[in-house]
PDB file of N, CA and C in Angstrom:
ATOM      1  N   UNK A   1     167.215-102.366 -39.547  1.00  0.00           N
ATOM      2  CA  UNK A   1     167.657-100.993 -39.723  1.00  0.00           C
ATOM      3  C   UNK A   1     169.183-100.950 -39.659  1.00  0.00           C
ATOM      4  N   UNK A   2     169.766-100.076 -40.438  1.00  0.00           N
ATOM      5  CA  UNK A   2     171.208 -99.899 -40.340  1.00  0.00           C
ATOM      6  C   UNK A   2     171.507 -98.771 -39.342  1.00  0.00           C
ATOM      7  N   UNK A   3     172.783 -98.549 -39.068  1.00  0.00           N
ATOM      8  CA  UNK A   3     173.160 -97.558 -38.061  1.00  0.00           C
ATOM      9  C   UNK A   3     172.664 -96.156 -38.415  1.00  0.00           C
ATOM     10  N   UNK A   4     172.715 -95.807 -39.686  1.00  0.00           N
ATOM     11  CA  UNK A   4     172.267 -94.470 -40.102  1.00  0.00           C
ATOM     12  C   UNK A   4     170.767 -94.296 -39.858  1.00  0.00           C
ATOM     13  N   UNK A   5     169.980 -95.328 -40.154  1.00  0.00           N
ATOM     14  CA  UNK A   5     168.536 -95.264 -39.899  1.00  0.00           C
ATOM     15  C   UNK A   5     168.253 -95.118 -38.404  1.00  0.00           C
ATOM     16  N   UNK A   6     168.965 -95.901 -37.599  1.00  0.00           N
ATOM     17  CA  UNK A   6     168.784 -95.828 -36.147  1.00  0.00           C
ATOM     18  C   UNK A   6     169.175 -94.441 -35.638  1.00  0.00           C
ATOM     19  N   UNK A   7     170.246 -93.898 -36.175  1.00  0.00           N
ATOM     20  CA  UNK A   7     170.695 -92.580 -35.741  1.00  0.00           C
ATOM     21  C   UNK A   7     169.644 -91.511 -36.006  1.00  0.00           C
ATOM     22  N   UNK A   8     168.986 -91.580 -37.138  1.00  0.00           N
ATOM     23  CA  UNK A   8     167.943 -90.593 -37.469  1.00  0.00           C
ATOM     24  C   UNK A   8     166.801 -90.677 -36.463  1.00  0.00           C
ATOM     25  N   UNK A   9     166.330 -91.882 -36.189  1.00  0.00           N
ATOM     26  CA  UNK A   9     165.230 -92.064 -35.236  1.00  0.00           C
ATOM     27  C   UNK A   9     165.680 -91.663 -33.834  1.00  0.00           C
ATOM     28  N   UNK A  10     166.854 -92.129 -33.435  1.00  0.00           N
ATOM     29  CA  UNK A  10     167.358 -91.846 -32.088  1.00  0.00           C
ATOM     30  C   UNK A  10     167.555 -90.348 -31.886  1.00  0.00           C
ATOM     31  N   UNK A  11     168.095 -89.660 -32.870  1.00  0.00           N
ATOM     32  CA  UNK A  11     168.310 -88.225 -32.736  1.00  0.00           C
ATOM     33  C   UNK A  11     166.985 -87.500 -32.535  1.00  0.00           C
ATOM     34  N   UNK A  12     165.981 -87.873 -33.295  1.00  0.00           N
ATOM     35  CA  UNK A  12     164.664 -87.245 -33.167  1.00  0.00           C
ATOM     36  C   UNK A  12     164.105 -87.456 -31.754  1.00  0.00           C
ATOM     37  N   UNK A  13     164.158 -88.698 -31.280  1.00  0.00           N
ATOM     38  CA  UNK A  13     163.600 -89.037 -29.966  1.00  0.00           C
ATOM     39  C   UNK A  13     164.416 -88.406 -28.846  1.00  0.00           C
ATOM     40  N   UNK A  14     165.729 -88.544 -28.907  1.00  0.00           N
ATOM     41  CA  UNK A  14     166.564 -88.077 -27.808  1.00  0.00           C
ATOM     42  C   UNK A  14     166.649 -86.560 -27.747  1.00  0.00           C
ATOM     43  N   UNK A  15     166.543 -85.896 -28.880  1.00  0.00           N
ATOM     44  CA  UNK A  15     166.501 -84.430 -28.862  1.00  0.00           C
ATOM     45  C   UNK A  15     165.242 -83.970 -28.111  1.00  0.00           C
ATOM     46  N   UNK A  16     164.138 -84.660 -28.345  1.00  0.00           N
ATOM     47  CA  UNK A  16     162.889 -84.336 -27.650  1.00  0.00           C
ATOM     48  C   UNK A  16     162.999 -84.657 -26.158  1.00  0.00           C
ATOM     49  N   UNK A  17     163.542 -85.823 -25.816  1.00  0.00           N
ATOM     50  CA  UNK A  17     163.606 -86.276 -24.428  1.00  0.00           C
ATOM     51  C   UNK A  17     164.698 -85.593 -23.603  1.00  0.00           C
ATOM     52  N   UNK A  18     165.818 -85.266 -24.246  1.00  0.00           N
ATOM     53  CA  UNK A  18     166.984 -84.792 -23.499  1.00  0.00           C
ATOM     54  C   UNK A  18     167.453 -83.397 -23.899  1.00  0.00           C
ATOM     55  N   UNK A  19     166.739 -82.753 -24.795  1.00  0.00           N
ATOM     56  CA  UNK A  19     167.162 -81.435 -25.279  1.00  0.00           C
ATOM     57  C   UNK A  19     167.403 -80.427 -24.172  1.00  0.00           C
ATOM     58  N   UNK A  20     166.538 -80.392 -23.190  1.00  0.00           N
ATOM     59  CA  UNK A  20     166.693 -79.412 -22.108  1.00  0.00           C
ATOM     60  C   UNK A  20     167.808 -79.787 -21.133  1.00  0.00           C
ATOM     61  N   UNK A  21     168.407 -80.965 -21.330  1.00  0.00           N
ATOM     62  CA  UNK A  21     169.507 -81.419 -20.479  1.00  0.00           C
ATOM     63  C   UNK A  21     170.858 -81.338 -21.195  1.00  0.00           C
ATOM     64  N   UNK A  22     170.915 -80.603 -22.290  1.00  0.00           N
ATOM     65  CA  UNK A  22     172.188 -80.406 -22.972  1.00  0.00           C
ATOM     66  C   UNK A  22     172.506 -81.437 -24.037  1.00  0.00           C
ATOM     67  N   UNK A  23     171.473 -82.122 -24.561  1.00  0.00           N
ATOM     68  CA  UNK A  23     171.690 -83.115 -25.616  1.00  0.00           C
ATOM     69  C   UNK A  23     172.407 -82.475 -26.798  1.00  0.00           C
ATOM     70  N   UNK A  24     173.466 -83.149 -27.299  1.00  0.00           N
ATOM     71  CA  UNK A  24     174.241 -82.663 -28.441  1.00  0.00           C
ATOM     72  C   UNK A  24     174.062 -83.528 -29.686  1.00  0.00           C
ATOM     73  N   UNK A  25     174.190 -84.849 -29.505  1.00  0.00           N
ATOM     74  CA  UNK A  25     174.117 -85.743 -30.664  1.00  0.00           C
ATOM     75  C   UNK A  25     173.958 -87.189 -30.206  1.00  0.00           C
ATOM     76  N   UNK A  26     173.729 -88.052 -31.187  1.00  0.00           N
ATOM     77  CA  UNK A  26     173.610 -89.487 -30.961  1.00  0.00           C
ATOM     78  C   UNK A  26     174.738 -90.189 -31.702  1.00  0.00           C
ATOM     79  N   UNK A  27     175.296 -91.220 -31.066  1.00  0.00           N
ATOM     80  CA  UNK A  27     176.273 -92.085 -31.727  1.00  0.00           C
ATOM     81  C   UNK A  27     175.722 -93.508 -31.682  1.00  0.00           C
ATOM     82  N   UNK A  28     175.778 -94.200 -32.810  1.00  0.00           N
ATOM     83  CA  UNK A  28     175.200 -95.543 -32.931  1.00  0.00           C
ATOM     84  C   UNK A  28     176.259 -96.511 -33.438  1.00  0.00           C
ATOM     85  N   UNK A  29     176.299 -97.689 -32.837  1.00  0.00           N
ATOM     86  CA  UNK A  29     177.179 -98.771 -33.275  1.00  0.00           C
ATOM     87  C   UNK A  29     176.395-100.064 -33.254  1.00  0.00           C
ATOM     88  N   UNK A  30     176.525-100.853 -34.268  1.00  0.00           N
ATOM     89  CA  UNK A  30     175.976-102.201 -34.252  1.00  0.00           C
ATOM     90  C   UNK A  30     177.029-103.134 -33.698  1.00  0.00           C
ATOM     91  N   UNK A  31     176.596-104.153 -33.003  1.00  0.00           N
ATOM     92  CA  UNK A  31     177.531-105.110 -32.437  1.00  0.00           C
ATOM     93  C   UNK A  31     176.790-106.306 -31.892  1.00  0.00           C
ATOM     94  N   UNK A  32     177.405-106.960 -30.932  1.00  0.00           N
ATOM     95  CA  UNK A  32     176.839-108.157 -30.313  1.00  0.00           C
ATOM     96  C   UNK A  32     176.852-107.967 -28.808  1.00  0.00           C
ATOM     97  N   UNK A  33     175.817-108.451 -28.143  1.00  0.00           N
ATOM     98  CA  UNK A  33     175.744-108.301 -26.698  1.00  0.00           C
ATOM     99  C   UNK A  33     176.426-109.456 -25.987  1.00  0.00           C
ATOM    100  N   UNK A  34     176.258-109.536 -24.687  1.00  0.00           N
ATOM    101  CA  UNK A  34     176.897-110.550 -23.849  1.00  0.00           C
ATOM    102  C   UNK A  34     176.472-111.973 -24.199  1.00  0.00           C
ATOM    103  N   UNK A  35     175.338-112.123 -24.887  1.00  0.00           N
ATOM    104  CA  UNK A  35     174.857-113.441 -25.307  1.00  0.00           C
ATOM    105  C   UNK A  35     175.144-113.707 -26.783  1.00  0.00           C
ATOM    106  N   UNK A  36     175.978-112.878 -27.379  1.00  0.00           N
ATOM    107  CA  UNK A  36     176.305-112.953 -28.805  1.00  0.00           C
ATOM    108  C   UNK A  36     175.100-112.726 -29.713  1.00  0.00           C
ATOM    109  N   UNK A  37     174.109-112.007 -29.209  1.00  0.00           N
ATOM    110  CA  UNK A  37     172.957-111.627 -30.021  1.00  0.00           C
ATOM    111  C   UNK A  37     173.248-110.268 -30.662  1.00  0.00           C
ATOM    112  N   UNK A  38     172.778-110.060 -31.882  1.00  0.00           N
ATOM    113  CA  UNK A  38     172.945-108.739 -32.493  1.00  0.00           C
ATOM    114  C   UNK A  38     172.303-107.665 -31.611  1.00  0.00           C
ATOM    115  N   UNK A  39     172.966-106.545 -31.501  1.00  0.00           N
ATOM    116  CA  UNK A  39     172.479-105.463 -30.657  1.00  0.00           C
ATOM    117  C   UNK A  39     172.811-104.123 -31.300  1.00  0.00           C
ATOM    118  N   UNK A  40     172.056-103.110 -30.913  1.00  0.00           N
ATOM    119  CA  UNK A  40     172.326-101.738 -31.324  1.00  0.00           C
ATOM    120  C   UNK A  40     172.755-100.970 -30.085  1.00  0.00           C
ATOM    121  N   UNK A  41     173.904-100.312 -30.155  1.00  0.00           N
ATOM    122  CA  UNK A  41     174.429 -99.519 -29.046  1.00  0.00           C
ATOM    123  C   UNK A  41     174.237 -98.049 -29.383  1.00  0.00           C
ATOM    124  N   UNK A  42     173.497 -97.354 -28.528  1.00  0.00           N
ATOM    125  CA  UNK A  42     173.158 -95.957 -28.774  1.00  0.00           C
ATOM    126  C   UNK A  42     173.670 -95.116 -27.611  1.00  0.00           C
ATOM    127  N   UNK A  43     174.490 -94.128 -27.925  1.00  0.00           N
ATOM    128  CA  UNK A  43     174.974 -93.187 -26.923  1.00  0.00           C
ATOM    129  C   UNK A  43     174.338 -91.834 -27.179  1.00  0.00           C
ATOM    130  N   UNK A  44     173.773 -91.250 -26.134  1.00  0.00           N
ATOM    131  CA  UNK A  44     173.333 -89.860 -26.180  1.00  0.00           C
ATOM    132  C   UNK A  44     174.485 -89.042 -25.615  1.00  0.00           C
ATOM    133  N   UNK A  45     175.008 -88.131 -26.408  1.00  0.00           N
ATOM    134  CA  UNK A  45     176.122 -87.297 -25.978  1.00  0.00           C
ATOM    135  C   UNK A  45     175.560 -85.959 -25.515  1.00  0.00           C
ATOM    136  N   UNK A  46     175.849 -85.645 -24.249  1.00  0.00           N
ATOM    137  CA  UNK A  46     175.391 -84.395 -23.647  1.00  0.00           C
ATOM    138  C   UNK A  46     176.551 -83.417 -23.581  1.00  0.00           C
ATOM    139  N   UNK A  47     176.245 -82.142 -23.519  1.00  0.00           N
ATOM    140  CA  UNK A  47     177.278 -81.121 -23.398  1.00  0.00           C
ATOM    141  C   UNK A  47     178.048 -81.261 -22.098  1.00  0.00           C
ATOM    142  N   UNK A  48     179.253 -80.714 -22.057  1.00  0.00           N
ATOM    143  CA  UNK A  48     180.095 -80.831 -20.867  1.00  0.00           C
ATOM    144  C   UNK A  48     179.469 -80.147 -19.657  1.00  0.00           C
ATOM    145  N   UNK A  49     178.629 -79.165 -19.875  1.00  0.00           N
ATOM    146  CA  UNK A  49     178.002 -78.446 -18.770  1.00  0.00           C
ATOM    147  C   UNK A  49     176.577 -78.930 -18.488  1.00  0.00           C
ATOM    148  N   UNK A  50     176.217 -80.108 -19.003  1.00  0.00           N
ATOM    149  CA  UNK A  50     174.877 -80.660 -18.759  1.00  0.00           C
ATOM    150  C   UNK A  50     174.705 -80.923 -17.266  1.00  0.00           C
ATOM    151  N   UNK A  51     173.514 -80.642 -16.744  1.00  0.00           N
ATOM    152  CA  UNK A  51     173.286 -80.856 -15.312  1.00  0.00           C
ATOM    153  C   UNK A  51     173.214 -82.350 -14.991  1.00  0.00           C
ATOM    154  N   UNK A  52     173.417 -82.703 -13.714  1.00  0.00           N
ATOM    155  CA  UNK A  52     173.216 -84.101 -13.313  1.00  0.00           C
ATOM    156  C   UNK A  52     171.757 -84.487 -13.593  1.00  0.00           C
ATOM    157  N   UNK A  53     171.550 -85.716 -14.020  1.00  0.00           N
ATOM    158  CA  UNK A  53     170.201 -86.155 -14.383  1.00  0.00           C
ATOM    159  C   UNK A  53     169.656 -87.148 -13.371  1.00  0.00           C
ATOM    160  N   UNK A  54     168.372 -87.084 -13.169  1.00  0.00           N
ATOM    161  CA  UNK A  54     167.686 -88.065 -12.333  1.00  0.00           C
ATOM    162  C   UNK A  54     167.637 -89.389 -13.099  1.00  0.00           C
ATOM    163  N   UNK A  55     167.669 -90.514 -12.397  1.00  0.00           N
ATOM    164  CA  UNK A  55     167.570 -91.812 -13.080  1.00  0.00           C
ATOM    165  C   UNK A  55     166.314 -91.936 -13.947  1.00  0.00           C
ATOM    166  N   UNK A  56     165.216 -91.334 -13.527  1.00  0.00           N
ATOM    167  CA  UNK A  56     163.988 -91.435 -14.329  1.00  0.00           C
ATOM    168  C   UNK A  56     164.151 -90.787 -15.697  1.00  0.00           C
ATOM    169  N   UNK A  57     164.992 -89.762 -15.789  1.00  0.00           N
ATOM    170  CA  UNK A  57     165.245 -89.129 -17.089  1.00  0.00           C
ATOM    171  C   UNK A  57     165.901 -90.129 -18.033  1.00  0.00           C
ATOM    172  N   UNK A  58     166.893 -90.862 -17.527  1.00  0.00           N
ATOM    173  CA  UNK A  58     167.560 -91.890 -18.313  1.00  0.00           C
ATOM    174  C   UNK A  58     166.565 -92.973 -18.735  1.00  0.00           C
ATOM    175  N   UNK A  59     165.797 -93.486 -17.777  1.00  0.00           N
ATOM    176  CA  UNK A  59     164.856 -94.577 -18.069  1.00  0.00           C
ATOM    177  C   UNK A  59     163.774 -94.139 -19.045  1.00  0.00           C
ATOM    178  N   UNK A  60     163.267 -92.924 -18.880  1.00  0.00           N
ATOM    179  CA  UNK A  60     162.240 -92.419 -19.805  1.00  0.00           C
ATOM    180  C   UNK A  60     162.790 -92.275 -21.219  1.00  0.00           C
ATOM    181  N   UNK A  61     164.020 -91.771 -21.346  1.00  0.00           N
ATOM    182  CA  UNK A  61     164.630 -91.613 -22.672  1.00  0.00           C
ATOM    183  C   UNK A  61     164.870 -92.976 -23.315  1.00  0.00           C
ATOM    184  N   UNK A  62     165.352 -93.943 -22.527  1.00  0.00           N
ATOM    185  CA  UNK A  62     165.595 -95.288 -23.059  1.00  0.00           C
ATOM    186  C   UNK A  62     164.292 -95.933 -23.515  1.00  0.00           C
ATOM    187  N   UNK A  63     163.238 -95.800 -22.727  1.00  0.00           N
ATOM    188  CA  UNK A  63     161.939 -96.372 -23.092  1.00  0.00           C
ATOM    189  C   UNK A  63     161.396 -95.730 -24.371  1.00  0.00           C
ATOM    190  N   UNK A  64     161.500 -94.407 -24.470  1.00  0.00           N
ATOM    191  CA  UNK A  64     161.027 -93.712 -25.674  1.00  0.00           C
ATOM    192  C   UNK A  64     161.821 -94.151 -26.896  1.00  0.00           C
ATOM    193  N   UNK A  65     163.126 -94.309 -26.729  1.00  0.00           N
ATOM    194  CA  UNK A  65     163.976 -94.772 -27.823  1.00  0.00           C
ATOM    195  C   UNK A  65     163.569 -96.175 -28.255  1.00  0.00           C
ATOM    196  N   UNK A  66     163.399 -97.073 -27.300  1.00  0.00           N
ATOM    197  CA  UNK A  66     163.004 -98.448 -27.620  1.00  0.00           C
ATOM    198  C   UNK A  66     161.672 -98.514 -28.352  1.00  0.00           C
ATOM    199  N   UNK A  67     160.700 -97.746 -27.884  1.00  0.00           N
ATOM    200  CA  UNK A  67     159.379 -97.735 -28.546  1.00  0.00           C
ATOM    201  C   UNK A  67     159.484 -97.224 -29.980  1.00  0.00           C
ATOM    202  N   UNK A  68     160.240 -96.149 -30.170  1.00  0.00           N
ATOM    203  CA  UNK A  68     160.364 -95.564 -31.516  1.00  0.00           C
ATOM    204  C   UNK A  68     161.073 -96.516 -32.468  1.00  0.00           C
ATOM    205  N   UNK A  69     162.138 -97.160 -32.010  1.00  0.00           N
ATOM    206  CA  UNK A  69     162.861 -98.094 -32.879  1.00  0.00           C
ATOM    207  C   UNK A  69     161.996 -99.309 -33.208  1.00  0.00           C
ATOM    208  N   UNK A  70     161.270 -99.808 -32.231  1.00  0.00           N
ATOM    209  CA  UNK A  70     160.367-100.937 -32.468  1.00  0.00           C
ATOM    210  C   UNK A  70     159.299-100.561 -33.492  1.00  0.00           C
ATOM    211  N   UNK A  71     158.754 -99.370 -33.377  1.00  0.00           N
ATOM    212  CA  UNK A  71     157.737 -98.896 -34.326  1.00  0.00           C
ATOM    213  C   UNK A  71     158.289 -98.801 -35.746  1.00  0.00           C
ATOM    214  N   UNK A  72     159.598 -98.579 -35.871  1.00  0.00           N
ATOM    215  CA  UNK A  72     160.242 -98.488 -37.184  1.00  0.00           C
ATOM    216  C   UNK A  72     160.702 -99.849 -37.707  1.00  0.00           C
ATOM    217  N   UNK A  73     160.505-100.907 -36.903  1.00  0.00           N
ATOM    218  CA  UNK A  73     160.838-102.250 -37.359  1.00  0.00           C
ATOM    219  C   UNK A  73     162.152-102.807 -36.838  1.00  0.00           C
ATOM    220  N   UNK A  74     162.833-102.071 -35.966  1.00  0.00           N
ATOM    221  CA  UNK A  74     164.101-102.568 -35.410  1.00  0.00           C
ATOM    222  C   UNK A  74     163.809-103.683 -34.414  1.00  0.00           C
ATOM    223  N   UNK A  75     164.492-104.810 -34.590  1.00  0.00           N
ATOM    224  CA  UNK A  75     164.266-105.967 -33.722  1.00  0.00           C
ATOM    225  C   UNK A  75     165.335-106.127 -32.653  1.00  0.00           C
ATOM    226  N   UNK A  76     166.486-105.505 -32.842  1.00  0.00           N
ATOM    227  CA  UNK A  76     167.569-105.634 -31.861  1.00  0.00           C
ATOM    228  C   UNK A  76     167.279-104.774 -30.629  1.00  0.00           C
ATOM    229  N   UNK A  77     167.820-105.218 -29.496  1.00  0.00           N
ATOM    230  CA  UNK A  77     167.687-104.439 -28.274  1.00  0.00           C
ATOM    231  C   UNK A  77     168.602-103.220 -28.360  1.00  0.00           C
ATOM    232  N   UNK A  78     168.088-102.039 -28.016  1.00  0.00           N
ATOM    233  CA  UNK A  78     168.934-100.846 -28.026  1.00  0.00           C
ATOM    234  C   UNK A  78     169.609-100.640 -26.669  1.00  0.00           C
ATOM    235  N   UNK A  79     170.877-100.986 -26.564  1.00  0.00           N
ATOM    236  CA  UNK A  79     171.646-100.681 -25.359  1.00  0.00           C
ATOM    237  C   UNK A  79     171.911 -99.184 -25.378  1.00  0.00           C
ATOM    238  N   UNK A  80     171.618 -98.532 -24.277  1.00  0.00           N
ATOM    239  CA  UNK A  80     171.602 -97.073 -24.244  1.00  0.00           C
ATOM    240  C   UNK A  80     172.483 -96.542 -23.123  1.00  0.00           C
ATOM    241  N   UNK A  81     173.253 -95.519 -23.457  1.00  0.00           N
ATOM    242  CA  UNK A  81     174.086 -94.825 -22.482  1.00  0.00           C
ATOM    243  C   UNK A  81     173.985 -93.333 -22.725  1.00  0.00           C
ATOM    244  N   UNK A  82     174.258 -92.583 -21.676  1.00  0.00           N
ATOM    245  CA  UNK A  82     174.433 -91.140 -21.809  1.00  0.00           C
ATOM    246  C   UNK A  82     175.847 -90.836 -21.341  1.00  0.00           C
ATOM    247  N   UNK A  83     176.521 -89.966 -22.074  1.00  0.00           N
ATOM    248  CA  UNK A  83     177.856 -89.545 -21.666  1.00  0.00           C
ATOM    249  C   UNK A  83     178.050 -88.094 -22.051  1.00  0.00           C
ATOM    250  N   UNK A  84     179.025 -87.491 -21.452  1.00  0.00           N
ATOM    251  CA  UNK A  84     179.318 -86.078 -21.696  1.00  0.00           C
ATOM    252  C   UNK A  84     180.232 -85.923 -22.915  1.00  0.00           C
ATOM    253  N   UNK A  85     180.116 -84.813 -23.578  1.00  0.00           N
ATOM    254  CA  UNK A  85     180.968 -84.478 -24.715  1.00  0.00           C
ATOM    255  C   UNK A  85     182.424 -84.602 -24.285  1.00  0.00           C
ATOM    256  N   UNK A  86     183.217 -85.307 -25.072  1.00  0.00           N
ATOM    257  CA  UNK A  86     184.625 -85.499 -24.770  1.00  0.00           C
ATOM    258  C   UNK A  86     184.928 -86.766 -23.997  1.00  0.00           C
ATOM    259  N   UNK A  87     183.922 -87.369 -23.371  1.00  0.00           N
ATOM    260  CA  UNK A  87     184.129 -88.638 -22.677  1.00  0.00           C
ATOM    261  C   UNK A  87     184.238 -89.738 -23.712  1.00  0.00           C
ATOM    262  N   UNK A  88     185.253 -90.550 -23.620  1.00  0.00           N
ATOM    263  CA  UNK A  88     185.435 -91.655 -24.547  1.00  0.00           C
ATOM    264  C   UNK A  88     185.191 -92.965 -23.819  1.00  0.00           C
ATOM    265  N   UNK A  89     184.756 -93.967 -24.557  1.00  0.00           N
ATOM    266  CA  UNK A  89     184.575 -95.297 -23.983  1.00  0.00           C
ATOM    267  C   UNK A  89     185.920 -95.973 -23.830  1.00  0.00           C
ATOM    268  N   UNK A  90     186.098 -96.760 -22.781  1.00  0.00           N
ATOM    269  CA  UNK A  90     187.330 -97.555 -22.690  1.00  0.00           C
ATOM    270  C   UNK A  90     187.434 -98.474 -23.903  1.00  0.00           C
ATOM    271  N   UNK A  91     188.624 -98.636 -24.440  1.00  0.00           N
ATOM    272  CA  UNK A  91     188.818 -99.450 -25.653  1.00  0.00           C
ATOM    273  C   UNK A  91     188.278-100.859 -25.478  1.00  0.00           C
ATOM    274  N   UNK A  92     188.468-101.452 -24.322  1.00  0.00           N
ATOM    275  CA  UNK A  92     187.991-102.810 -24.083  1.00  0.00           C
ATOM    276  C   UNK A  92     186.476-102.891 -24.208  1.00  0.00           C
ATOM    277  N   UNK A  93     185.763-101.875 -23.726  1.00  0.00           N
ATOM    278  CA  UNK A  93     184.311-101.869 -23.816  1.00  0.00           C
ATOM    279  C   UNK A  93     183.856-101.756 -25.263  1.00  0.00           C
ATOM    280  N   UNK A  94     184.517-100.940 -26.043  1.00  0.00           N
ATOM    281  CA  UNK A  94     184.179-100.805 -27.460  1.00  0.00           C
ATOM    282  C   UNK A  94     184.399-102.129 -28.180  1.00  0.00           C
ATOM    283  N   UNK A  95     185.522-102.792 -27.933  1.00  0.00           N
ATOM    284  CA  UNK A  95     185.820-104.035 -28.648  1.00  0.00           C
ATOM    285  C   UNK A  95     184.851-105.137 -28.262  1.00  0.00           C
ATOM    286  N   UNK A  96     184.405-105.185 -27.035  1.00  0.00           N
ATOM    287  CA  UNK A  96     183.455-106.217 -26.615  1.00  0.00           C
ATOM    288  C   UNK A  96     182.099-106.030 -27.279  1.00  0.00           C
ATOM    289  N   UNK A  97     181.746-104.795 -27.621  1.00  0.00           N
ATOM    290  CA  UNK A  97     180.464-104.531 -28.259  1.00  0.00           C
ATOM    291  C   UNK A  97     180.494-104.831 -29.744  1.00  0.00           C
ATOM    292  N   UNK A  98     181.640-104.985 -30.314  1.00  0.00           N
ATOM    293  CA  UNK A  98     181.756-105.047 -31.758  1.00  0.00           C
ATOM    294  C   UNK A  98     181.827-106.452 -32.341  1.00  0.00           C
ATOM    295  N   UNK A  99     182.372-107.396 -31.604  1.00  0.00           N
ATOM    296  CA  UNK A  99     182.660-108.702 -32.175  1.00  0.00           C
ATOM    297  C   UNK A  99     181.877-109.820 -31.476  1.00  0.00           C
ATOM    298  N   UNK A 100     181.512-110.870 -32.208  1.00  0.00           N
ATOM    299  CA  UNK A 100     180.930-112.037 -31.545  1.00  0.00           C
ATOM    300  C   UNK A 100     181.952-112.631 -30.571  1.00  0.00           C
ATOM    301  N   UNK A 101     181.471-113.331 -29.556  1.00  0.00           N
ATOM    302  CA  UNK A 101     182.321-113.858 -28.491  1.00  0.00           C
ATOM    303  C   UNK A 101     183.523-114.629 -29.014  1.00  0.00           C
ATOM    304  N   UNK A 102     183.353-115.459 -30.028  1.00  0.00           N
ATOM    305  CA  UNK A 102     184.459-116.283 -30.544  1.00  0.00           C
ATOM    306  C   UNK A 102     185.609-115.428 -31.058  1.00  0.00           C
ATOM    307  N   UNK A 103     185.317-114.174 -31.446  1.00  0.00           N
ATOM    308  CA  UNK A 103     186.347-113.296 -31.999  1.00  0.00           C
ATOM    309  C   UNK A 103     186.939-112.337 -30.983  1.00  0.00           C
ATOM    310  N   UNK A 104     186.476-112.356 -29.734  1.00  0.00           N
ATOM    311  CA  UNK A 104     186.956-111.442 -28.713  1.00  0.00           C
ATOM    312  C   UNK A 104     188.238-111.965 -28.090  1.00  0.00           C
ATOM    313  N   UNK A 105     189.095-111.046 -27.718  1.00  0.00           N
ATOM    314  CA  UNK A 105     190.339-111.473 -27.066  1.00  0.00           C
ATOM    315  C   UNK A 105     190.120-111.710 -25.574  1.00  0.00           C
ATOM    316  N   UNK A 106     189.051-111.134 -25.001  1.00  0.00           N
ATOM    317  CA  UNK A 106     188.718-111.334 -23.582  1.00  0.00           C
ATOM    318  C   UNK A 106     187.325-111.929 -23.502  1.00  0.00           C
ATOM    319  N   UNK A 107     187.084-112.859 -22.588  1.00  0.00           N
ATOM    320  CA  UNK A 107     185.727-113.384 -22.470  1.00  0.00           C
ATOM    321  C   UNK A 107     185.052-112.931 -21.225  1.00  0.00           C
TER     322      UNK A 107
END
């Protein structure tokens, strides 16, 4: 699946799982994980006034996302985060998710 396909599935699942918690949108990036394996990075963006969430809410949403992507044929592991609208990822974290280890400036 490409990022656009993953985004469609993720938006459907996460809107259902997190809608009552201020879910706004999904952001998807393809990259490589800590073992240099292809990975899909999925962020659920919540509104700035979203309430604090119980850990089970996060785990349930991640599990539902993983099941839905697997059912659609996605083989990569979906790394999942929730963040508030306006929160940006540190640049170093973004760069580590994007390139294979040999191409990273930090190991």
